[in-house]
C-alpha atoms as a PDB file:
ATOM      1  CA  MET A   1      10.913  -2.798   9.585  1.00  0.00           C
ATOM      2  CA  PRO A   2       8.915   0.586   9.412  1.00  0.00           C
ATOM      3  CA  ALA A   3       5.648   0.276   7.605  1.00  0.00           C
ATOM      4  CA  TYR A   4       6.789   3.326   5.417  1.00  0.00           C
ATOM      5  CA  THR A   5       9.474   0.928   3.949  1.00  0.00           C
ATOM      6  CA  THR A   6       7.232  -1.991   3.554  1.00  0.00           C
ATOM      7  CA  LEU A   7       4.107  -0.298   2.294  1.00  0.00           C
ATOM      8  CA  VAL A   8       4.819   3.113   0.657  1.00  0.00           C
ATOM      9  CA  ASN A   9       5.295   2.969  -3.154  1.00  0.00           C
ATOM     10  CA  GLN A  10       5.535  -0.895  -2.949  1.00  0.00           C
ATOM     11  CA  THR A  11       3.600  -2.990  -5.680  1.00  0.00           C
ATOM     12  CA  ALA A  12       0.777  -5.124  -4.342  1.00  0.00           C
ATOM     13  CA  GLN A  13       2.168  -8.591  -4.853  1.00  0.00           C
ATOM     14  CA  LEU A  14      -0.783 -10.824  -3.886  1.00  0.00           C
ATOM     15  CA  SER A  15      -3.652  -8.801  -4.178  1.00  0.00           C
ATOM     16  CA  THR A  16      -6.475  -8.922  -6.400  1.00  0.00           C
ATOM     17  CA  VAL A  17      -6.491  -5.238  -6.768  1.00  0.00           C
ATOM     18  CA  PRO A  18      -3.414  -4.115  -8.885  1.00  0.00           C
ATOM     19  CA  GLY A  19      -1.400  -1.022  -8.105  1.00  0.00           C
ATOM     20  CA  MET A  20       0.806   0.381  -5.407  1.00  0.00           C
ATOM     21  CA  LEU A  21      -0.025  -0.577  -1.764  1.00  0.00           C
ATOM     22  CA  VAL A  22       0.235   3.015  -0.414  1.00  0.00           C
ATOM     23  CA  ILE A  23       0.784   6.057  -2.665  1.00  0.00           C
ATOM     24  CA  PRO A  24       1.725   9.131  -0.457  1.00  0.00           C
ATOM     25  CA  ASN A  25      -1.030  11.744  -0.555  1.00  0.00           C
ATOM     26  CA  ASN A  26      -3.299   9.642  -2.880  1.00  0.00           C
ATOM     27  CA  THR A  27      -5.873   7.659  -1.086  1.00  0.00           C
ATOM     28  CA  THR A  28      -7.874   7.089  -4.252  1.00  0.00           C
ATOM     29  CA  ASP A  29      -5.260   5.030  -5.867  1.00  0.00           C
ATOM     30  CA  SER A  30      -3.683   3.320  -2.977  1.00  0.00           C
ATOM     31  CA  VAL A  31      -4.395  -0.518  -3.172  1.00  0.00           C
ATOM     32  CA  VAL A  32      -4.702  -0.382   0.812  1.00  0.00           C
ATOM     33  CA  MET A  33      -7.560   1.962   0.768  1.00  0.00           C
ATOM     34  CA  LYS A  34      -9.408   0.429  -2.038  1.00  0.00           C
ATOM     35  CA  ARG A  35      -9.447  -2.962  -0.193  1.00  0.00           C
ATOM     36  CA  MET A  36     -10.428  -1.232   2.986  1.00  0.00           C
ATOM     37  CA  VAL A  37     -13.581   0.501   1.508  1.00  0.00           C
ATOM     38  CA  SER A  38     -14.560  -2.396  -0.698  1.00  0.00           C
ATOM     39  CA  LEU A  39     -17.318  -5.021   0.376  1.00  0.00           C
ATOM     40  CA  ILE A  40     -16.527  -7.114  -2.665  1.00  0.00           C
ATOM     41  CA  ALA A  41     -15.610 -10.719  -1.923  1.00  0.00           C
ATOM     42  CA  GLY A  42     -11.992 -11.397  -3.008  1.00  0.00           C
ATOM     43  CA  GLU A  43     -11.143  -7.757  -2.920  1.00  0.00           C
ATOM     44  CA  LYS A  44     -12.235  -6.533   0.503  1.00  0.00           C
ATOM     45  CA  MET A  45      -9.789  -6.239   3.509  1.00  0.00           C
ATOM     46  CA  PRO A  46      -9.734  -8.140   5.587  1.00  0.00           C
ATOM     47  CA  GLU A  47     -11.103 -10.819   3.475  1.00  0.00           C
ATOM     48  CA  ILE A  48     -13.587 -12.797   6.145  1.00  0.00           C
ATOM     49  CA  GLY A  49     -15.471 -11.452   8.920  1.00  0.00           C
ATOM     50  CA  THR A  50     -16.246  -8.058   7.221  1.00  0.00           C
ATOM     51  CA  GLU A  51     -20.008  -6.968   6.020  1.00  0.00           C
ATOM     52  CA  THR A  52     -19.457  -3.280   7.044  1.00  0.00           C
ATOM     53  CA  GLN A  53     -16.843  -0.779   6.579  1.00  0.00           C
ATOM     54  CA  ASN A  54     -14.833   0.241   9.601  1.00  0.00           C
ATOM     55  CA  THR A  55     -15.273   4.040   9.299  1.00  0.00           C
ATOM     56  CA  GLU A  56     -12.735   4.647  12.330  1.00  0.00           C
ATOM     57  CA  GLY A  57     -10.138   2.393  10.686  1.00  0.00           C
ATOM     58  CA  ILE A  58     -10.469   4.114   7.173  1.00  0.00           C
ATOM     59  CA  ALA A  59     -10.227   7.516   8.678  1.00  0.00           C
ATOM     60  CA  THR A  60      -7.028   6.631  10.457  1.00  0.00           C
ATOM     61  CA  VAL A  61      -5.559   5.161   7.568  1.00  0.00           C
ATOM     62  CA  THR A  62      -6.707   7.895   5.121  1.00  0.00           C
ATOM     63  CA  ALA A  63      -5.076  10.419   7.495  1.00  0.00           C
ATOM     64  CA  TRP A  64      -1.664   8.265   7.558  1.00  0.00           C
ATOM     65  CA  ILE A  65      -1.784   8.257   3.761  1.00  0.00           C
ATOM     66  CA  ALA A  66      -2.456  11.927   3.390  1.00  0.00           C
ATOM     67  CA  GLN A  67       0.116  13.182   5.679  1.00  0.00           C
ATOM     68  CA  PRO A  68       3.339  14.504   4.272  1.00  0.00           C
ATOM     69  CA  PRO A  69       6.297  11.816   4.073  1.00  0.00           C
END
């Protein structure tokens, strides 16, 4: 199943961060981005093995969310 149908405008079911997983053209409110940039335990993604932000990964996902559907 394409990522667009499983992530975009879908409510986060198991996340500690409430909201929509990916909101097109809205990186600020998309749960995926909030979790990727967070370093707070229980909120950050991935949950384990992360002490710094992956700037390249963040830039890639930001560009994907920002592109027109």
